[in-house]
């Protein structure tokens, strides 16, 4: 298909799909109607696919034609974005990328994203802002940030949300805890002891999701200690305020250990979030990069058999 579809012909197809009329489509792309309809017809013959049914009062897109039209529109959009980025790089006009993140996001993700961004856009700056997820989302809405890397859940009806990482959620405890020598924990033994989590006022979505997860397995939650950062959570555990659920990939402070819960597959999910692709010229390229990394986990540097490997170096 691609050998037959030039950018000019892609524009003819897109304009015809938009107007459902060859005459109006020809006016949009500044070409004679006879030339436009002839070239689309010639393409249909070459690929043996009818893109448009010709009706007395215009055109109708065929089911097979919708696939070709989607290809045309996506390709044209990618080309326009690529051209805009190339011109911006050439003119040294790419503004700093204002990236928000939560302290609960694995630092390795940020490190590898920075390296990847530098490879994509040499010399283009990233301005980081660490904040609570709720405040990061507010800054995205007010356009004080271009994008953010935050823990899920995030309301996808308000933001563009693309998951980029996932790792197990495990129980954090002291090394001298009576359960520390267990390879797996029984939820019935630890559910009431899990009392430390993120501040619900600063990350209400995460707290609501935690309550849902406990309810799904038939246990109420007993969170009585709230923290703003992972280090505060670990401090509370060390000071015997209770056990905590944390990302398995977070670095542990001395004296602490993590253990998985038998039969429970809770995860920490992380996403790339923005409000509009127009917010920064680099955002469409970042989305494509994250999509490729998420769909091709075998490109990670560590072997998949390592339980830490699947997302630790997702961006590597």
Protein backbone atom coordinates (compact mmCIF):
# COMPACT_ATOMS: atom_id res chain seq x y z
CA UNK A 1 0.00 0.00 0.00
CA UNK A 2 2.70 2.47 1.00
CA UNK A 3 4.38 2.28 -2.43
CA UNK A 4 1.19 3.58 -4.03
CA UNK A 5 0.29 6.22 -1.45
CA UNK A 6 2.18 9.47 -1.93
CA UNK A 7 1.60 12.35 0.47
CA UNK A 8 -0.36 14.12 -2.24
CA UNK A 9 -2.65 11.15 -2.71
CA UNK A 10 -3.03 10.78 1.05
CA UNK A 11 -4.28 14.37 1.15
CA UNK A 12 -6.74 13.63 -1.65
CA UNK A 13 -8.12 10.65 0.29
CA UNK A 14 -8.34 12.59 3.56
CA UNK A 15 -10.09 15.56 1.93
CA UNK A 16 -12.57 13.27 0.17
CA UNK A 17 -13.36 11.47 3.41
CA UNK A 18 -13.90 14.79 5.17
CA UNK A 19 -16.18 16.31 2.52
CA UNK A 20 -17.70 13.12 1.05
CA UNK A 21 -17.62 14.94 -2.28
CA UNK A 22 -14.87 14.87 -4.90
CA UNK A 23 -15.60 18.41 -6.08
CA UNK A 24 -15.36 19.98 -2.61
CA UNK A 25 -12.33 17.79 -1.81
CA UNK A 26 -10.58 19.05 -4.95
CA UNK A 27 -11.24 22.63 -3.88
CA UNK A 28 -9.67 21.92 -0.46
CA UNK A 29 -6.44 20.59 -1.96
CA UNK A 30 -6.35 22.99 -4.93
CA UNK A 31 -6.51 20.44 -7.73
CA UNK A 32 -8.90 19.72 -10.56
CA UNK A 33 -11.78 17.46 -9.61
CA UNK A 34 -11.10 15.16 -12.53
CA UNK A 35 -7.48 14.67 -11.47
CA UNK A 36 -8.39 13.93 -7.85
CA UNK A 37 -11.16 11.43 -8.65
CA UNK A 38 -9.02 9.77 -11.33
CA UNK A 39 -6.05 9.24 -9.02
CA UNK A 40 -8.21 7.85 -6.21
CA UNK A 41 -9.89 5.51 -8.68
CA UNK A 42 -6.51 4.41 -10.03
CA UNK A 43 -5.33 3.68 -6.48
CA UNK A 44 -8.47 1.63 -5.78
CA UNK A 45 -7.71 -0.45 -8.88
CA UNK A 46 -4.05 -0.90 -7.90
CA UNK A 47 -4.73 -2.08 -4.35
CA UNK A 48 -8.02 -3.82 -5.20
CA UNK A 49 -9.88 -1.97 -2.44
CA UNK A 50 -12.93 0.26 -2.93
CA UNK A 51 -12.40 3.25 -0.64
CA UNK A 52 -15.52 5.22 -1.61
CA UNK A 53 -18.89 4.17 -2.98
CA UNK A 54 -19.92 6.71 -5.62
CA UNK A 55 -23.47 7.91 -5.00
CA UNK A 56 -25.63 10.36 -6.94
CA UNK A 57 -25.34 12.95 -4.16
CA UNK A 58 -21.74 12.34 -3.09
CA UNK A 59 -19.53 9.65 -1.59
CA UNK A 60 -19.88 6.97 1.06
CA UNK A 61 -16.88 5.48 2.86
CA UNK A 62 -16.74 1.69 2.64
CA UNK A 63 -15.73 -0.43 5.66
CA UNK A 64 -12.47 -1.35 3.90
CA UNK A 65 -12.02 2.27 2.87
CA UNK A 66 -12.17 3.40 6.50
CA UNK A 67 -8.96 1.45 7.14
CA UNK A 68 -7.20 3.20 4.24
CA UNK A 69 -8.55 6.59 5.34
CA UNK A 70 -7.35 6.07 8.92
CA UNK A 71 -3.92 5.21 7.54
CA UNK A 72 -3.94 8.36 5.42
CA UNK A 73 -5.00 10.62 8.27
CA UNK A 74 -2.55 9.12 10.77
CA UNK A 75 0.33 9.32 8.30
CA UNK A 76 -0.43 12.94 7.42
CA UNK A 77 -0.68 13.86 11.09
CA UNK A 78 2.63 12.15 11.88
CA UNK A 79 4.29 13.91 8.96
CA UNK A 80 3.00 17.32 10.04
CA UNK A 81 4.25 16.73 13.58
CA UNK A 82 7.62 15.51 12.33
CA UNK A 83 8.01 18.50 10.04
CA UNK A 84 7.08 20.93 12.83
CA UNK A 85 9.62 19.33 15.16
CA UNK A 86 12.36 19.32 12.50
CA UNK A 87 11.82 23.01 11.82
CA UNK A 88 11.80 23.82 15.53
CA UNK A 89 15.08 21.92 16.07
CA UNK A 90 16.69 23.63 13.08
CA UNK A 91 15.66 27.06 14.34
CA UNK A 92 16.59 26.21 17.94
CA UNK A 93 13.03 27.05 18.94
CA UNK A 94 12.10 24.08 21.13
CA UNK A 95 11.10 25.43 24.55
CA UNK A 96 12.10 23.59 27.73
CA UNK A 97 9.84 20.64 28.48
CA UNK A 98 8.12 21.33 31.81
CA UNK A 99 7.74 17.86 33.29
CA UNK A 100 5.99 17.21 36.59
CA UNK A 101 6.47 14.05 38.60
CA UNK A 102 5.55 12.49 41.91
CA UNK A 103 8.08 11.29 44.47
CA UNK A 104 6.29 7.94 44.23
CA UNK A 105 7.49 7.53 40.63
CA UNK A 106 10.54 5.31 40.32
CA UNK A 107 13.60 7.51 39.81
CA UNK A 108 14.96 5.11 37.19
CA UNK A 109 12.07 6.01 34.91
CA UNK A 110 12.99 9.68 35.11
CA UNK A 111 16.69 9.00 34.59
CA UNK A 112 16.09 6.89 31.50
CA UNK A 113 13.49 9.30 30.13
CA UNK A 114 15.98 12.14 30.39
CA UNK A 115 18.57 10.12 28.47
CA UNK A 116 16.05 9.16 25.80
CA UNK A 117 14.83 12.75 25.44
CA UNK A 118 18.42 13.94 25.01
CA UNK A 119 18.90 11.41 22.23
CA UNK A 120 15.71 12.48 20.48
CA UNK A 121 16.23 16.21 20.89
CA UNK A 122 19.90 17.05 21.61
CA UNK A 123 20.37 20.25 23.55
CA UNK A 124 16.68 20.58 24.47
CA UNK A 125 16.12 21.18 28.16
CA UNK A 126 13.83 19.48 30.66
CA UNK A 127 12.54 21.47 33.63
CA UNK A 128 11.46 19.10 36.43
CA UNK A 129 8.86 19.86 39.06
CA UNK A 130 8.37 17.40 41.91
CA UNK A 131 4.97 17.67 43.53
CA UNK A 132 2.02 15.72 44.83
CA UNK A 133 -0.06 14.07 42.08
CA UNK A 134 -3.10 16.27 42.71
CA UNK A 135 -1.05 19.46 42.45
CA UNK A 136 0.71 18.20 39.30
CA UNK A 137 -2.68 17.60 37.69
CA UNK A 138 -3.80 21.10 38.67
CA UNK A 139 -0.66 22.56 37.09
CA UNK A 140 -1.31 20.56 33.92
CA UNK A 141 -4.82 21.99 33.75
CA UNK A 142 -3.54 25.54 34.21
CA UNK A 143 -0.78 24.93 31.60
CA UNK A 144 1.96 25.53 34.17
CA UNK A 145 3.24 22.07 33.16
CA UNK A 146 3.43 20.51 29.70
CA UNK A 147 3.23 16.91 30.89
CA UNK A 148 3.78 14.70 33.91
CA UNK A 149 4.82 11.20 34.96
CA UNK A 150 2.49 10.13 37.77
CA UNK A 151 1.11 7.05 39.50
CA UNK A 152 -2.25 5.80 38.34
CA UNK A 153 -5.18 6.10 38.60
CA UNK A 154 -5.76 9.40 36.81
CA UNK A 155 -9.07 10.49 35.29
CA UNK A 156 -8.69 9.71 31.58
CA UNK A 157 -11.77 11.80 30.76
CA UNK A 158 -9.86 14.93 31.79
CA UNK A 159 -6.34 14.02 30.68
CA UNK A 160 -4.55 12.04 28.03
CA UNK A 161 -3.21 9.04 30.00
CA UNK A 162 -0.69 6.57 28.61
CA UNK A 163 0.52 3.81 30.91
CA UNK A 164 4.30 3.43 30.74
CA UNK A 165 5.30 1.17 33.66
CA UNK A 166 4.01 -1.42 36.08
CA UNK A 167 5.61 -3.12 39.07
CA UNK A 168 4.37 -5.25 41.99
CA UNK A 169 2.92 -3.69 45.12
CA UNK A 170 4.51 -5.38 48.15
CA UNK A 171 4.43 -5.14 51.93
CA UNK A 172 7.22 -3.14 53.57
CA UNK A 173 8.23 -4.20 57.09
CA UNK A 174 11.15 -4.13 59.51
CA UNK A 175 13.83 -6.79 59.13
CA UNK A 176 13.12 -7.92 62.68
CA UNK A 177 9.38 -8.33 62.04
CA UNK A 178 7.98 -11.73 62.96
CA UNK A 179 6.89 -12.17 59.32
CA UNK A 180 10.16 -11.07 57.72
CA UNK A 181 11.42 -14.63 57.28
CA UNK A 182 8.39 -15.54 55.14
CA UNK A 183 8.84 -15.71 51.36
CA UNK A 184 5.12 -14.98 50.89
CA UNK A 185 2.65 -13.32 53.21
CA UNK A 186 -0.92 -14.33 53.96
CA UNK A 187 -3.22 -11.33 53.52
CA UNK A 188 -5.28 -12.48 56.51
CA UNK A 189 -2.23 -12.01 58.74
CA UNK A 190 -1.16 -8.61 57.47
CA UNK A 191 -4.33 -6.81 56.32
CA UNK A 192 -5.01 -5.13 59.68
CA UNK A 193 -1.33 -4.29 60.15
CA UNK A 194 -1.11 -2.36 56.85
CA UNK A 195 -1.71 1.09 58.26
CA UNK A 196 0.70 3.39 56.40
CA UNK A 197 -0.02 4.83 52.95
CA UNK A 198 0.04 8.03 50.90
CA UNK A 199 -1.80 11.07 52.19
CA UNK A 200 -5.38 10.75 50.82
CA UNK A 201 -5.72 14.54 50.53
CA UNK A 202 -2.68 14.73 48.25
CA UNK A 203 -3.46 11.63 46.20
CA UNK A 204 -7.16 10.86 46.68
CA UNK A 205 -7.35 8.65 43.59
CA UNK A 206 -4.64 6.31 44.90
CA UNK A 207 -6.32 6.07 48.28
CA UNK A 208 -9.69 5.27 46.69
CA UNK A 209 -8.10 2.60 44.52
CA UNK A 210 -6.46 1.04 47.58
CA UNK A 211 -9.83 0.83 49.31
CA UNK A 212 -11.29 -0.82 46.20
CA UNK A 213 -8.50 -3.40 46.09
CA UNK A 214 -9.01 -4.36 49.73
CA UNK A 215 -12.78 -4.54 49.22
CA UNK A 216 -12.30 -6.82 46.19
CA UNK A 217 -10.57 -9.40 48.40
CA UNK A 218 -12.99 -8.96 51.29
CA UNK A 219 -10.92 -6.90 53.74
CA UNK A 220 -11.45 -3.35 55.05
CA UNK A 221 -8.47 -1.02 55.05
CA UNK A 222 -6.99 0.37 58.27
CA UNK A 223 -4.86 3.29 57.07
CA UNK A 224 -4.19 5.57 60.02
CA UNK A 225 -0.81 7.06 59.06
CA UNK A 226 -0.41 9.25 55.98
CA UNK A 227 2.81 10.27 54.23
CA UNK A 228 3.79 12.67 51.48
CA UNK A 229 6.85 10.79 50.24
CA UNK A 230 8.22 7.22 50.07
CA UNK A 231 10.92 8.13 52.60
CA UNK A 232 8.26 9.25 55.10
CA UNK A 233 6.44 5.94 54.61
CA UNK A 234 9.61 3.97 55.26
CA UNK A 235 10.41 6.07 58.33
CA UNK A 236 6.97 5.29 59.77
CA UNK A 237 7.50 1.58 59.17
CA UNK A 238 10.92 1.71 60.85
CA UNK A 239 9.36 3.52 63.83
CA UNK A 240 6.79 0.73 64.19
CA UNK A 241 3.72 2.71 63.14
CA UNK A 242 2.63 -0.22 60.98
CA UNK A 243 3.29 -2.00 57.73
CA UNK A 244 3.02 -0.31 54.34
CA UNK A 245 2.29 -1.20 50.74
CA UNK A 246 5.00 0.16 48.44
CA UNK A 247 6.41 -0.21 44.94
CA UNK A 248 8.72 -3.23 44.86
CA UNK A 249 11.21 -1.22 42.78
CA UNK A 250 11.64 1.63 45.25
CA UNK A 251 15.03 1.65 47.03
CA UNK A 252 14.74 0.44 50.60
CA UNK A 253 16.33 2.07 53.61
CA UNK A 254 18.51 -0.07 55.89
CA UNK A 255 16.58 -2.22 58.32
CA UNK A 256 13.59 -2.75 56.02
CA UNK A 257 12.50 -5.56 53.73
CA UNK A 258 9.59 -6.17 51.36
CA UNK A 259 7.51 -9.30 50.87
CA UNK A 260 4.78 -10.15 48.31
CA UNK A 261 1.29 -11.27 49.33
CA UNK A 262 0.38 -14.79 48.27
CA UNK A 263 -2.34 -14.94 45.62
CA UNK A 264 -2.54 -11.15 45.31
CA UNK A 265 -1.37 -9.38 42.18
CA UNK A 266 -1.64 -5.72 43.05
CA UNK A 267 0.55 -3.41 41.01
CA UNK A 268 1.89 0.12 40.98
CA UNK A 269 1.04 1.62 37.58
CA UNK A 270 2.70 4.72 36.19
CA UNK A 271 1.55 6.90 33.30
CA UNK A 272 2.65 9.72 31.02
CA UNK A 273 -0.02 12.43 31.24
CA UNK A 274 -0.81 15.65 29.39
CA UNK A 275 -3.81 17.76 28.48
CA UNK A 276 -3.11 18.56 24.84
CA UNK A 277 -0.58 17.49 22.24
CA UNK A 278 -0.34 21.15 21.31
CA UNK A 279 1.03 21.95 24.77
CA UNK A 280 4.58 21.18 23.59
CA UNK A 281 5.90 20.26 20.16
CA UNK A 282 7.73 17.19 21.56
CA UNK A 283 4.71 15.50 23.17
CA UNK A 284 3.60 13.40 20.15
CA UNK A 285 7.14 12.00 19.87
CA UNK A 286 7.30 11.25 23.60
CA UNK A 287 3.99 9.39 23.36
CA UNK A 288 5.27 7.26 20.50
CA UNK A 289 8.47 6.55 22.40
CA UNK A 290 6.60 5.41 25.51
CA UNK A 291 4.21 3.31 23.43
CA UNK A 292 7.09 1.51 21.76
CA UNK A 293 8.82 0.92 25.09
CA UNK A 294 5.61 -0.36 26.72
CA UNK A 295 4.78 -2.70 23.83
CA UNK A 296 8.36 -4.02 23.55
CA UNK A 297 9.45 -4.92 27.10
CA UNK A 298 12.05 -7.35 25.70
CA UNK A 299 14.15 -4.31 24.88
CA UNK A 300 14.76 -3.86 28.63
CA UNK A 301 18.34 -4.45 29.67
CA UNK A 302 17.67 -7.00 32.39
CA UNK A 303 16.40 -10.53 31.65
CA UNK A 304 12.65 -10.96 32.06
CA UNK A 305 13.18 -13.72 34.64
CA UNK A 306 14.34 -11.12 37.17
CA UNK A 307 11.18 -9.99 39.04
CA UNK A 308 12.54 -6.45 39.07
CA UNK A 309 13.31 -6.35 35.37
CA UNK A 310 10.08 -5.88 33.48
CA UNK A 311 9.68 -2.16 34.11
CA UNK A 312 12.80 -1.10 36.01
CA UNK A 313 14.53 -0.30 32.74
CA UNK A 314 11.47 0.15 30.57
CA UNK A 315 12.96 3.28 29.11
CA UNK A 316 16.45 1.88 28.65
